[in-house]
Amino acid sequence: MQHPISPRLHGVLDYTTSAAVAAAPPLFDMPRPARRLFESLAAGYTGLSSVTDYPLSVRRMVPFKAHGAAELAIAAVLPAMPWVLGFSEHRAARNLCFGLTALTLVVAALTDWSAER
C-alpha cells in the first residue's frame, strides 16, 4: 500500500483539522458538553502537533509514530463520546465525532510514518 501523506502534509492536515474542530461548535450551535469536547480536542491536537517531530512543529519532542498512536487512541473512543457526554441527539456534534474518527483512520492509513522529517 502506498503512503502518499508525508510528515509535512500530515502536519498541514493536523493544524487544518484543529481549526475546523475549534470553529464547529459555535457554527453549529452545539450544546455545552460537545463544545467542551471539541474545544479540548482542538487544543490537544494543536498542542500535540506543535511538539511532534515533524515539519511545522514548534519544538520536536514527541516522536512522529507516538503522535500517530495518540491520534488512533482518540479515534478509538471518539465515536462513543456523544453518548458518554450526553449530546447524541445533536446531529452535527454526533456526526463530527464520526467524521473525525473516519478522517483520523484514513489519514493514519495513508501517512508515511517512516519518512524522513
PDB file of N, CA and C in Angstrom:
ATOM      1  N   MET A   1       0.839  -1.183   0.000  1.00  0.00           N
ATOM      2  CA  MET A   1       0.000   0.000   0.000  1.00  0.00           C
ATOM      3  C   MET A   1       0.883   1.245   0.000  1.00  0.00           C
ATOM      4  N   GLN A   2       0.535   2.183  -0.838  1.00  0.00           N
ATOM      5  CA  GLN A   2       1.277   3.433  -0.869  1.00  0.00           C
ATOM      6  C   GLN A   2       0.842   4.334   0.281  1.00  0.00           C
ATOM      7  N   HIS A   3       1.779   5.140   0.710  1.00  0.00           N
ATOM      8  CA  HIS A   3       1.521   6.086   1.795  1.00  0.00           C
ATOM      9  C   HIS A   3       1.831   7.496   1.289  1.00  0.00           C
ATOM     10  N   PRO A   4       0.882   8.124   0.614  1.00  0.00           N
ATOM     11  CA  PRO A   4       1.144   9.415  -0.025  1.00  0.00           C
ATOM     12  C   PRO A   4       1.183  10.624   0.906  1.00  0.00           C
ATOM     13  N   ILE A   5       0.820  10.456   2.162  1.00  0.00           N
ATOM     14  CA  ILE A   5       0.817  11.597   3.078  1.00  0.00           C
ATOM     15  C   ILE A   5       2.168  11.681   3.788  1.00  0.00           C
ATOM     16  N   SER A   6       2.920  12.713   3.458  1.00  0.00           N
ATOM     17  CA  SER A   6       4.233  12.947   4.069  1.00  0.00           C
ATOM     18  C   SER A   6       4.047  13.533   5.471  1.00  0.00           C
ATOM     19  N   PRO A   7       5.109  13.531   6.272  1.00  0.00           N
ATOM     20  CA  PRO A   7       5.007  14.187   7.577  1.00  0.00           C
ATOM     21  C   PRO A   7       4.593  15.661   7.457  1.00  0.00           C
ATOM     22  N   ARG A   8       5.098  16.366   6.451  1.00  0.00           N
ATOM     23  CA  ARG A   8       4.724  17.773   6.263  1.00  0.00           C
ATOM     24  C   ARG A   8       3.225  17.891   5.982  1.00  0.00           C
ATOM     25  N   LEU A   9       2.721  17.100   5.053  1.00  0.00           N
ATOM     26  CA  LEU A   9       1.293  17.152   4.734  1.00  0.00           C
ATOM     27  C   LEU A   9       0.463  16.726   5.944  1.00  0.00           C
ATOM     28  N   HIS A  10       0.945  15.751   6.691  1.00  0.00           N
ATOM     29  CA  HIS A  10       0.235  15.325   7.898  1.00  0.00           C
ATOM     30  C   HIS A  10       0.106  16.509   8.862  1.00  0.00           C
ATOM     31  N   GLY A  11       1.177  17.279   9.001  1.00  0.00           N
ATOM     32  CA  GLY A  11       1.129  18.465   9.856  1.00  0.00           C
ATOM     33  C   GLY A  11       0.111  19.483   9.377  1.00  0.00           C
ATOM     34  N   VAL A  12       0.078  19.715   8.066  1.00  0.00           N
ATOM     35  CA  VAL A  12      -0.911  20.644   7.499  1.00  0.00           C
ATOM     36  C   VAL A  12      -2.318  20.151   7.818  1.00  0.00           C
ATOM     37  N   LEU A  13      -2.547  18.854   7.644  1.00  0.00           N
ATOM     38  CA  LEU A  13      -3.866  18.284   7.935  1.00  0.00           C
ATOM     39  C   LEU A  13      -4.205  18.408   9.422  1.00  0.00           C
ATOM     40  N   ASP A  14      -3.220  18.199  10.283  1.00  0.00           N
ATOM     41  CA  ASP A  14      -3.456  18.325  11.728  1.00  0.00           C
ATOM     42  C   ASP A  14      -3.896  19.734  12.103  1.00  0.00           C
ATOM     43  N   TYR A  15      -3.149  20.726  11.650  1.00  0.00           N
ATOM     44  CA  TYR A  15      -3.488  22.112  12.004  1.00  0.00           C
ATOM     45  C   TYR A  15      -4.816  22.543  11.378  1.00  0.00           C
ATOM     46  N   THR A  16      -5.076  22.104  10.157  1.00  0.00           N
ATOM     47  CA  THR A  16      -6.345  22.433   9.499  1.00  0.00           C
ATOM     48  C   THR A  16      -7.513  21.794  10.244  1.00  0.00           C
ATOM     49  N   THR A  17      -7.337  20.542  10.628  1.00  0.00           N
ATOM     50  CA  THR A  17      -8.380  19.844  11.382  1.00  0.00           C
ATOM     51  C   THR A  17      -8.624  20.534  12.721  1.00  0.00           C
ATOM     52  N   SER A  18      -7.559  20.940  13.392  1.00  0.00           N
ATOM     53  CA  SER A  18      -7.705  21.646  14.671  1.00  0.00           C
ATOM     54  C   SER A  18      -8.536  22.909  14.518  1.00  0.00           C
ATOM     55  N   ALA A  19      -8.263  23.666  13.470  1.00  0.00           N
ATOM     56  CA  ALA A  19      -9.014  24.905  13.235  1.00  0.00           C
ATOM     57  C   ALA A  19     -10.485  24.608  12.958  1.00  0.00           C
ATOM     58  N   ALA A  20     -10.743  23.588  12.155  1.00  0.00           N
ATOM     59  CA  ALA A  20     -12.129  23.230  11.831  1.00  0.00           C
ATOM     60  C   ALA A  20     -12.875  22.743  13.070  1.00  0.00           C
ATOM     61  N   VAL A  21     -12.212  21.935  13.886  1.00  0.00           N
ATOM     62  CA  VAL A  21     -12.836  21.416  15.109  1.00  0.00           C
ATOM     63  C   VAL A  21     -13.132  22.560  16.078  1.00  0.00           C
ATOM     64  N   ALA A  22     -12.240  23.526  16.173  1.00  0.00           N
ATOM     65  CA  ALA A  22     -12.466  24.680  17.050  1.00  0.00           C
ATOM     66  C   ALA A  22     -13.607  25.556  16.547  1.00  0.00           C
ATOM     67  N   ALA A  23     -13.749  25.662  15.237  1.00  0.00           N
ATOM     68  CA  ALA A  23     -14.782  26.529  14.653  1.00  0.00           C
ATOM     69  C   ALA A  23     -16.168  25.896  14.661  1.00  0.00           C
ATOM     70  N   ALA A  24     -16.246  24.589  14.684  1.00  0.00           N
ATOM     71  CA  ALA A  24     -17.529  23.893  14.527  1.00  0.00           C
ATOM     72  C   ALA A  24     -18.557  24.164  15.629  1.00  0.00           C
ATOM     73  N   PRO A  25     -18.205  24.132  16.909  1.00  0.00           N
ATOM     74  CA  PRO A  25     -19.242  24.292  17.944  1.00  0.00           C
ATOM     75  C   PRO A  25     -20.087  25.555  17.827  1.00  0.00           C
ATOM     76  N   PRO A  26     -19.493  26.734  17.669  1.00  0.00           N
ATOM     77  CA  PRO A  26     -20.365  27.911  17.527  1.00  0.00           C
ATOM     78  C   PRO A  26     -21.109  27.946  16.190  1.00  0.00           C
ATOM     79  N   LEU A  27     -20.487  27.430  15.146  1.00  0.00           N
ATOM     80  CA  LEU A  27     -21.148  27.433  13.834  1.00  0.00           C
ATOM     81  C   LEU A  27     -22.408  26.572  13.822  1.00  0.00           C
ATOM     82  N   PHE A  28     -22.378  25.475  14.586  1.00  0.00           N
ATOM     83  CA  PHE A  28     -23.500  24.539  14.591  1.00  0.00           C
ATOM     84  C   PHE A  28     -24.284  24.567  15.900  1.00  0.00           C
ATOM     85  N   ASP A  29     -24.088  25.615  16.697  1.00  0.00           N
ATOM     86  CA  ASP A  29     -24.825  25.808  17.945  1.00  0.00           C
ATOM     87  C   ASP A  29     -24.865  24.525  18.781  1.00  0.00           C
ATOM     88  N   MET A  30     -23.692  23.998  19.058  1.00  0.00           N
ATOM     89  CA  MET A  30     -23.598  22.735  19.785  1.00  0.00           C
ATOM     90  C   MET A  30     -23.822  22.944  21.277  1.00  0.00           C
ATOM     91  N   PRO A  31     -24.350  21.925  21.951  1.00  0.00           N
ATOM     92  CA  PRO A  31     -24.553  22.015  23.400  1.00  0.00           C
ATOM     93  C   PRO A  31     -23.209  22.068  24.140  1.00  0.00           C
ATOM     94  N   ARG A  32     -23.274  22.526  25.370  1.00  0.00           N
ATOM     95  CA  ARG A  32     -22.060  22.740  26.167  1.00  0.00           C
ATOM     96  C   ARG A  32     -21.134  21.516  26.235  1.00  0.00           C
ATOM     97  N   PRO A  33     -21.629  20.301  26.484  1.00  0.00           N
ATOM     98  CA  PRO A  33     -20.696  19.167  26.543  1.00  0.00           C
ATOM     99  C   PRO A  33     -19.945  18.952  25.225  1.00  0.00           C
ATOM    100  N   ALA A  34     -20.629  19.140  24.115  1.00  0.00           N
ATOM    101  CA  ALA A  34     -19.964  18.992  22.814  1.00  0.00           C
ATOM    102  C   ALA A  34     -18.952  20.110  22.606  1.00  0.00           C
ATOM    103  N   ARG A  35     -19.340  21.323  22.980  1.00  0.00           N
ATOM    104  CA  ARG A  35     -18.401  22.454  22.852  1.00  0.00           C
ATOM    105  C   ARG A  35     -17.119  22.169  23.640  1.00  0.00           C
ATOM    106  N   ARG A  36     -17.281  21.715  24.853  1.00  0.00           N
ATOM    107  CA  ARG A  36     -16.105  21.436  25.690  1.00  0.00           C
ATOM    108  C   ARG A  36     -15.239  20.336  25.079  1.00  0.00           C
ATOM    109  N   LEU A  37     -15.879  19.286  24.586  1.00  0.00           N
ATOM    110  CA  LEU A  37     -15.128  18.201  23.957  1.00  0.00           C
ATOM    111  C   LEU A  37     -14.330  18.726  22.770  1.00  0.00           C
ATOM    112  N   PHE A  38     -14.993  19.447  21.866  1.00  0.00           N
ATOM    113  CA  PHE A  38     -14.316  19.883  20.649  1.00  0.00           C
ATOM    114  C   PHE A  38     -13.285  20.976  20.916  1.00  0.00           C
ATOM    115  N   GLU A  39     -13.540  21.834  21.884  1.00  0.00           N
ATOM    116  CA  GLU A  39     -12.520  22.820  22.264  1.00  0.00           C
ATOM    117  C   GLU A  39     -11.290  22.111  22.832  1.00  0.00           C
ATOM    118  N   SER A  40     -11.527  21.085  23.643  1.00  0.00           N
ATOM    119  CA  SER A  40     -10.416  20.313  24.211  1.00  0.00           C
ATOM    120  C   SER A  40      -9.661  19.555  23.133  1.00  0.00           C
ATOM    121  N   LEU A  41     -10.400  18.950  22.209  1.00  0.00           N
ATOM    122  CA  LEU A  41      -9.748  18.241  21.107  1.00  0.00           C
ATOM    123  C   LEU A  41      -8.912  19.185  20.259  1.00  0.00           C
ATOM    124  N   ALA A  42      -9.462  20.333  19.925  1.00  0.00           N
ATOM    125  CA  ALA A  42      -8.724  21.297  19.100  1.00  0.00           C
ATOM    126  C   ALA A  42      -7.449  21.746  19.813  1.00  0.00           C
ATOM    127  N   ALA A  43      -7.565  22.046  21.092  1.00  0.00           N
ATOM    128  CA  ALA A  43      -6.383  22.457  21.857  1.00  0.00           C
ATOM    129  C   ALA A  43      -5.372  21.315  21.950  1.00  0.00           C
ATOM    130  N   GLY A  44      -5.869  20.110  22.182  1.00  0.00           N
ATOM    131  CA  GLY A  44      -4.984  18.951  22.278  1.00  0.00           C
ATOM    132  C   GLY A  44      -4.287  18.637  20.971  1.00  0.00           C
ATOM    133  N   TYR A  45      -5.043  18.658  19.864  1.00  0.00           N
ATOM    134  CA  TYR A  45      -4.441  18.419  18.544  1.00  0.00           C
ATOM    135  C   TYR A  45      -3.384  19.473  18.239  1.00  0.00           C
ATOM    136  N   THR A  46      -3.702  20.727  18.524  1.00  0.00           N
ATOM    137  CA  THR A  46      -2.757  21.810  18.245  1.00  0.00           C
ATOM    138  C   THR A  46      -1.512  21.677  19.120  1.00  0.00           C
ATOM    139  N   GLY A  47      -1.730  21.388  20.391  1.00  0.00           N
ATOM    140  CA  GLY A  47      -0.597  21.211  21.296  1.00  0.00           C
ATOM    141  C   GLY A  47       0.287  20.048  20.897  1.00  0.00           C
ATOM    142  N   LEU A  48      -0.322  18.910  20.601  1.00  0.00           N
ATOM    143  CA  LEU A  48       0.447  17.742  20.184  1.00  0.00           C
ATOM    144  C   LEU A  48       1.195  18.031  18.889  1.00  0.00           C
ATOM    145  N   SER A  49       0.528  18.664  17.949  1.00  0.00           N
ATOM    146  CA  SER A  49       1.163  18.979  16.666  1.00  0.00           C
ATOM    147  C   SER A  49       2.346  19.918  16.849  1.00  0.00           C
ATOM    148  N   SER A  50       2.219  20.839  17.768  1.00  0.00           N
ATOM    149  CA  SER A  50       3.289  21.825  17.957  1.00  0.00           C
ATOM    150  C   SER A  50       4.559  21.226  18.551  1.00  0.00           C
ATOM    151  N   VAL A  51       4.456  20.036  19.167  1.00  0.00           N
ATOM    152  CA  VAL A  51       5.640  19.408  19.767  1.00  0.00           C
ATOM    153  C   VAL A  51       5.996  18.061  19.141  1.00  0.00           C
ATOM    154  N   THR A  52       5.393  17.744  18.003  1.00  0.00           N
ATOM    155  CA  THR A  52       5.679  16.486  17.314  1.00  0.00           C
ATOM    156  C   THR A  52       6.917  16.634  16.441  1.00  0.00           C
ATOM    157  N   ASP A  53       7.683  15.577  16.329  1.00  0.00           N
ATOM    158  CA  ASP A  53       8.885  15.572  15.491  1.00  0.00           C
ATOM    159  C   ASP A  53       8.492  15.451  14.019  1.00  0.00           C
ATOM    160  N   TYR A  54       8.000  16.571  13.464  1.00  0.00           N
ATOM    161  CA  TYR A  54       7.711  16.666  12.036  1.00  0.00           C
ATOM    162  C   TYR A  54       7.756  18.128  11.622  1.00  0.00           C
ATOM    163  N   PRO A  55       7.819  18.383  10.312  1.00  0.00           N
ATOM    164  CA  PRO A  55       7.840  19.777   9.872  1.00  0.00           C
ATOM    165  C   PRO A  55       6.591  20.505  10.385  1.00  0.00           C
ATOM    166  N   LEU A  56       6.706  21.771  10.575  1.00  0.00           N
ATOM    167  CA  LEU A  56       5.635  22.659  11.042  1.00  0.00           C
ATOM    168  C   LEU A  56       5.464  22.655  12.558  1.00  0.00           C
ATOM    169  N   SER A  57       6.259  21.863  13.276  1.00  0.00           N
ATOM    170  CA  SER A  57       6.146  21.890  14.736  1.00  0.00           C
ATOM    171  C   SER A  57       6.972  23.041  15.297  1.00  0.00           C
ATOM    172  N   VAL A  58       6.647  23.425  16.503  1.00  0.00           N
ATOM    173  CA  VAL A  58       7.383  24.483  17.186  1.00  0.00           C
ATOM    174  C   VAL A  58       8.640  23.910  17.828  1.00  0.00           C
ATOM    175  N   ARG A  59       8.479  22.731  18.422  1.00  0.00           N
ATOM    176  CA  ARG A  59       9.587  22.055  19.082  1.00  0.00           C
ATOM    177  C   ARG A  59       9.396  20.556  18.919  1.00  0.00           C
ATOM    178  N   ARG A  60      10.391  19.881  18.434  1.00  0.00           N
ATOM    179  CA  ARG A  60      10.286  18.448  18.130  1.00  0.00           C
ATOM    180  C   ARG A  60      10.615  17.602  19.359  1.00  0.00           C
ATOM    181  N   MET A  61       9.575  17.229  20.084  1.00  0.00           N
ATOM    182  CA  MET A  61       9.763  16.463  21.317  1.00  0.00           C
ATOM    183  C   MET A  61       9.087  15.090  21.257  1.00  0.00           C
ATOM    184  N   VAL A  62       7.944  14.989  20.597  1.00  0.00           N
ATOM    185  CA  VAL A  62       7.171  13.746  20.546  1.00  0.00           C
ATOM    186  C   VAL A  62       7.492  13.024  19.239  1.00  0.00           C
ATOM    187  N   PRO A  63       7.914  11.764  19.304  1.00  0.00           N
ATOM    188  CA  PRO A  63       8.176  11.030  18.065  1.00  0.00           C
ATOM    189  C   PRO A  63       6.925  10.982  17.177  1.00  0.00           C
ATOM    190  N   PHE A  64       7.152  11.039  15.876  1.00  0.00           N
ATOM    191  CA  PHE A  64       6.049  11.062  14.917  1.00  0.00           C
ATOM    192  C   PHE A  64       5.139   9.841  15.080  1.00  0.00           C
ATOM    193  N   LYS A  65       5.730   8.672  15.292  1.00  0.00           N
ATOM    194  CA  LYS A  65       4.912   7.462  15.466  1.00  0.00           C
ATOM    195  C   LYS A  65       4.088   7.520  16.761  1.00  0.00           C
ATOM    196  N   ALA A  66       4.615   8.123  17.805  1.00  0.00           N
ATOM    197  CA  ALA A  66       3.850   8.284  19.050  1.00  0.00           C
ATOM    198  C   ALA A  66       2.686   9.244  18.829  1.00  0.00           C
ATOM    199  N   HIS A  67       2.912  10.267  18.019  1.00  0.00           N
ATOM    200  CA  HIS A  67       1.845  11.194  17.633  1.00  0.00           C
ATOM    201  C   HIS A  67       0.713  10.408  16.962  1.00  0.00           C
ATOM    202  N   GLY A  68       1.082   9.524  16.046  1.00  0.00           N
ATOM    203  CA  GLY A  68       0.084   8.706  15.355  1.00  0.00           C
ATOM    204  C   GLY A  68      -0.662   7.789  16.309  1.00  0.00           C
ATOM    205  N   ALA A  69       0.052   7.222  17.265  1.00  0.00           N
ATOM    206  CA  ALA A  69      -0.589   6.349  18.252  1.00  0.00           C
ATOM    207  C   ALA A  69      -1.592   7.132  19.097  1.00  0.00           C
ATOM    208  N   ALA A  70      -1.238   8.363  19.454  1.00  0.00           N
ATOM    209  CA  ALA A  70      -2.161   9.205  20.229  1.00  0.00           C
ATOM    210  C   ALA A  70      -3.415   9.511  19.420  1.00  0.00           C
ATOM    211  N   GLU A  71      -3.243   9.812  18.140  1.00  0.00           N
ATOM    212  CA  GLU A  71      -4.406  10.081  17.287  1.00  0.00           C
ATOM    213  C   GLU A  71      -5.313   8.855  17.190  1.00  0.00           C
ATOM    214  N   LEU A  72      -4.714   7.678  17.061  1.00  0.00           N
ATOM    215  CA  LEU A  72      -5.524   6.457  16.976  1.00  0.00           C
ATOM    216  C   LEU A  72      -6.234   6.163  18.297  1.00  0.00           C
ATOM    217  N   ALA A  73      -5.605   6.475  19.409  1.00  0.00           N
ATOM    218  CA  ALA A  73      -6.258   6.285  20.713  1.00  0.00           C
ATOM    219  C   ALA A  73      -7.486   7.183  20.830  1.00  0.00           C
ATOM    220  N   ILE A  74      -7.358   8.415  20.367  1.00  0.00           N
ATOM    221  CA  ILE A  74      -8.506   9.329  20.378  1.00  0.00           C
ATOM    222  C   ILE A  74      -9.605   8.797  19.463  1.00  0.00           C
ATOM    223  N   ALA A  75      -9.208   8.322  18.287  1.00  0.00           N
ATOM    224  CA  ALA A  75     -10.190   7.793  17.330  1.00  0.00           C
ATOM    225  C   ALA A  75     -10.921   6.571  17.891  1.00  0.00           C
ATOM    226  N   ALA A  76     -10.279   5.838  18.777  1.00  0.00           N
ATOM    227  CA  ALA A  76     -10.904   4.645  19.355  1.00  0.00           C
ATOM    228  C   ALA A  76     -12.060   4.989  20.295  1.00  0.00           C
ATOM    229  N   VAL A  77     -11.977   6.135  20.965  1.00  0.00           N
ATOM    230  CA  VAL A  77     -13.025   6.499  21.929  1.00  0.00           C
ATOM    231  C   VAL A  77     -13.992   7.559  21.409  1.00  0.00           C
ATOM    232  N   LEU A  78     -13.594   8.284  20.392  1.00  0.00           N
ATOM    233  CA  LEU A  78     -14.401   9.403  19.899  1.00  0.00           C
ATOM    234  C   LEU A  78     -15.818   9.015  19.470  1.00  0.00           C
ATOM    235  N   PRO A  79     -16.037   7.870  18.822  1.00  0.00           N
ATOM    236  CA  PRO A  79     -17.415   7.536  18.423  1.00  0.00           C
ATOM    237  C   PRO A  79     -18.380   7.366  19.592  1.00  0.00           C
ATOM    238  N   ALA A  80     -17.885   7.028  20.760  1.00  0.00           N
ATOM    239  CA  ALA A  80     -18.752   6.843  21.932  1.00  0.00           C
ATOM    240  C   ALA A  80     -19.060   8.149  22.659  1.00  0.00           C
ATOM    241  N   MET A  81     -18.299   9.188  22.402  1.00  0.00           N
ATOM    242  CA  MET A  81     -18.421  10.436  23.166  1.00  0.00           C
ATOM    243  C   MET A  81     -19.805  11.089  23.126  1.00  0.00           C
ATOM    244  N   PRO A  82     -20.535  11.058  22.018  1.00  0.00           N
ATOM    245  CA  PRO A  82     -21.873  11.671  22.055  1.00  0.00           C
ATOM    246  C   PRO A  82     -22.788  11.040  23.109  1.00  0.00           C
ATOM    247  N   TRP A  83     -22.662   9.741  23.324  1.00  0.00           N
ATOM    248  CA  TRP A  83     -23.499   9.061  24.311  1.00  0.00           C
ATOM    249  C   TRP A  83     -22.921   9.220  25.713  1.00  0.00           C
ATOM    250  N   VAL A  84     -21.617   9.128  25.834  1.00  0.00           N
ATOM    251  CA  VAL A  84     -20.966   9.278  27.139  1.00  0.00           C
ATOM    252  C   VAL A  84     -21.207  10.675  27.708  1.00  0.00           C
ATOM    253  N   LEU A  85     -21.126  11.691  26.846  1.00  0.00           N
ATOM    254  CA  LEU A  85     -21.262  13.076  27.300  1.00  0.00           C
ATOM    255  C   LEU A  85     -22.675  13.637  27.147  1.00  0.00           C
ATOM    256  N   GLY A  86     -23.579  12.841  26.582  1.00  0.00           N
ATOM    257  CA  GLY A  86     -24.983  13.232  26.539  1.00  0.00           C
ATOM    258  C   GLY A  86     -25.410  14.181  25.435  1.00  0.00           C
ATOM    259  N   PHE A  87     -24.727  14.165  24.305  1.00  0.00           N
ATOM    260  CA  PHE A  87     -25.171  15.022  23.202  1.00  0.00           C
ATOM    261  C   PHE A  87     -25.462  14.230  21.924  1.00  0.00           C
ATOM    262  N   SER A  88     -25.847  12.977  22.093  1.00  0.00           N
ATOM    263  CA  SER A  88     -26.096  12.118  20.927  1.00  0.00           C
ATOM    264  C   SER A  88     -27.272  12.586  20.074  1.00  0.00           C
ATOM    265  N   GLU A  89     -28.171  13.375  20.634  1.00  0.00           N
ATOM    266  CA  GLU A  89     -29.327  13.867  19.871  1.00  0.00           C
ATOM    267  C   GLU A  89     -28.966  15.052  18.970  1.00  0.00           C
ATOM    268  N   HIS A  90     -27.813  15.655  19.196  1.00  0.00           N
ATOM    269  CA  HIS A  90     -27.389  16.790  18.367  1.00  0.00           C
ATOM    270  C   HIS A  90     -26.660  16.226  17.146  1.00  0.00           C
ATOM    271  N   ARG A  91     -27.345  16.271  16.030  1.00  0.00           N
ATOM    272  CA  ARG A  91     -26.856  15.618  14.815  1.00  0.00           C
ATOM    273  C   ARG A  91     -25.467  16.096  14.387  1.00  0.00           C
ATOM    274  N   ALA A  92     -25.239  17.392  14.345  1.00  0.00           N
ATOM    275  CA  ALA A  92     -23.949  17.914  13.878  1.00  0.00           C
ATOM    276  C   ALA A  92     -22.812  17.501  14.810  1.00  0.00           C
ATOM    277  N   ALA A  93     -23.041  17.573  16.110  1.00  0.00           N
ATOM    278  CA  ALA A  93     -21.997  17.208  17.070  1.00  0.00           C
ATOM    279  C   ALA A  93     -21.689  15.715  16.983  1.00  0.00           C
ATOM    280  N   ARG A  94     -22.730  14.912  16.916  1.00  0.00           N
ATOM    281  CA  ARG A  94     -22.547  13.460  16.799  1.00  0.00           C
ATOM    282  C   ARG A  94     -21.793  13.119  15.521  1.00  0.00           C
ATOM    283  N   ASN A  95     -22.210  13.739  14.410  1.00  0.00           N
ATOM    284  CA  ASN A  95     -21.578  13.438  13.128  1.00  0.00           C
ATOM    285  C   ASN A  95     -20.151  13.960  13.043  1.00  0.00           C
ATOM    286  N   LEU A  96     -19.857  15.026  13.765  1.00  0.00           N
ATOM    287  CA  LEU A  96     -18.471  15.495  13.800  1.00  0.00           C
ATOM    288  C   LEU A  96     -17.589  14.451  14.483  1.00  0.00           C
ATOM    289  N   CYS A  97     -18.088  13.818  15.522  1.00  0.00           N
ATOM    290  CA  CYS A  97     -17.327  12.733  16.163  1.00  0.00           C
ATOM    291  C   CYS A  97     -17.060  11.604  15.178  1.00  0.00           C
ATOM    292  N   PHE A  98     -18.082  11.211  14.443  1.00  0.00           N
ATOM    293  CA  PHE A  98     -17.916  10.131  13.466  1.00  0.00           C
ATOM    294  C   PHE A  98     -16.991  10.550  12.327  1.00  0.00           C
ATOM    295  N   GLY A  99     -17.156  11.769  11.853  1.00  0.00           N
ATOM    296  CA  GLY A  99     -16.319  12.261  10.762  1.00  0.00           C
ATOM    297  C   GLY A  99     -14.855  12.373  11.156  1.00  0.00           C
ATOM    298  N   LEU A 100     -14.600  12.867  12.360  1.00  0.00           N
ATOM    299  CA  LEU A 100     -13.219  12.960  12.843  1.00  0.00           C
ATOM    300  C   LEU A 100     -12.591  11.580  12.988  1.00  0.00           C
ATOM    301  N   THR A 101     -13.382  10.631  13.444  1.00  0.00           N
ATOM    302  CA  THR A 101     -12.878   9.265  13.562  1.00  0.00           C
ATOM    303  C   THR A 101     -12.492   8.728  12.191  1.00  0.00           C
ATOM    304  N   ALA A 102     -13.378   8.887  11.215  1.00  0.00           N
ATOM    305  CA  ALA A 102     -13.097   8.406   9.859  1.00  0.00           C
ATOM    306  C   ALA A 102     -11.879   9.109   9.269  1.00  0.00           C
ATOM    307  N   LEU A 103     -11.827  10.423   9.421  1.00  0.00           N
ATOM    308  CA  LEU A 103     -10.690  11.188   8.900  1.00  0.00           C
ATOM    309  C   LEU A 103      -9.385  10.716   9.532  1.00  0.00           C
ATOM    310  N   THR A 104      -9.387  10.517  10.826  1.00  0.00           N
ATOM    311  CA  THR A 104      -8.184  10.074  11.529  1.00  0.00           C
ATOM    312  C   THR A 104      -7.718   8.719  11.025  1.00  0.00           C
ATOM    313  N   LEU A 105      -8.647   7.799  10.838  1.00  0.00           N
ATOM    314  CA  LEU A 105      -8.276   6.462  10.371  1.00  0.00           C
ATOM    315  C   LEU A 105      -7.733   6.486   8.948  1.00  0.00           C
ATOM    316  N   VAL A 106      -8.350   7.276   8.084  1.00  0.00           N
ATOM    317  CA  VAL A 106      -7.884   7.370   6.692  1.00  0.00           C
ATOM    318  C   VAL A 106      -6.509   8.026   6.638  1.00  0.00           C
ATOM    319  N   VAL A 107      -6.348   9.130   7.348  1.00  0.00           N
ATOM    320  CA  VAL A 107      -5.049   9.820   7.349  1.00  0.00           C
ATOM    321  C   VAL A 107      -3.970   8.912   7.937  1.00  0.00           C
ATOM    322  N   ALA A 108      -4.279   8.198   9.004  1.00  0.00           N
ATOM    323  CA  ALA A 108      -3.298   7.283   9.603  1.00  0.00           C
ATOM    324  C   ALA A 108      -2.899   6.189   8.619  1.00  0.00           C
ATOM    325  N   ALA A 109      -3.865   5.657   7.899  1.00  0.00           N
ATOM    326  CA  ALA A 109      -3.572   4.593   6.935  1.00  0.00           C
ATOM    327  C   ALA A 109      -2.737   5.088   5.760  1.00  0.00           C
ATOM    328  N   LEU A 110      -2.886   6.350   5.405  1.00  0.00           N
ATOM    329  CA  LEU A 110      -2.197   6.893   4.233  1.00  0.00           C
ATOM    330  C   LEU A 110      -0.916   7.660   4.567  1.00  0.00           C
ATOM    331  N   THR A 111      -0.601   7.802   5.841  1.00  0.00           N
ATOM    332  CA  THR A 111       0.599   8.542   6.243  1.00  0.00           C
ATOM    333  C   THR A 111       1.831   7.651   6.168  1.00  0.00           C
ATOM    334  N   ASP A 112       2.919   8.221   5.668  1.00  0.00           N
ATOM    335  CA  ASP A 112       4.211   7.537   5.637  1.00  0.00           C
ATOM    336  C   ASP A 112       4.907   7.808   6.973  1.00  0.00           C
ATOM    337  N   TRP A 113       4.701   6.913   7.917  1.00  0.00           N
ATOM    338  CA  TRP A 113       5.210   7.102   9.278  1.00  0.00           C
ATOM    339  C   TRP A 113       6.726   6.954   9.363  1.00  0.00           C
ATOM    340  N   SER A 114       7.348   6.387   8.341  1.00  0.00           N
ATOM    341  CA  SER A 114       8.798   6.176   8.351  1.00  0.00           C
ATOM    342  C   SER A 114       9.563   7.201   7.524  1.00  0.00           C
ATOM    343  N   ALA A 115       8.870   8.134   6.912  1.00  0.00           N
ATOM    344  CA  ALA A 115       9.531   9.125   6.058  1.00  0.00           C
ATOM    345  C   ALA A 115      10.452  10.018   6.879  1.00  0.00           C
ATOM    346  N   GLU A 116      11.468  10.533   6.215  1.00  0.00           N
ATOM    347  CA  GLU A 116      12.367  11.474   6.883  1.00  0.00           C
ATOM    348  C   GLU A 116      11.643  12.760   7.188  1.00  0.00           C
ATOM    349  N   ARG A 117      11.972  13.311   8.341  1.00  0.00           N
ATOM    350  CA  ARG A 117      11.327  14.556   8.737  1.00  0.00           C
ATOM    351  C   ARG A 117      12.358  15.624   8.688  1.00  0.00           C
TER     352      ARG A 117
END
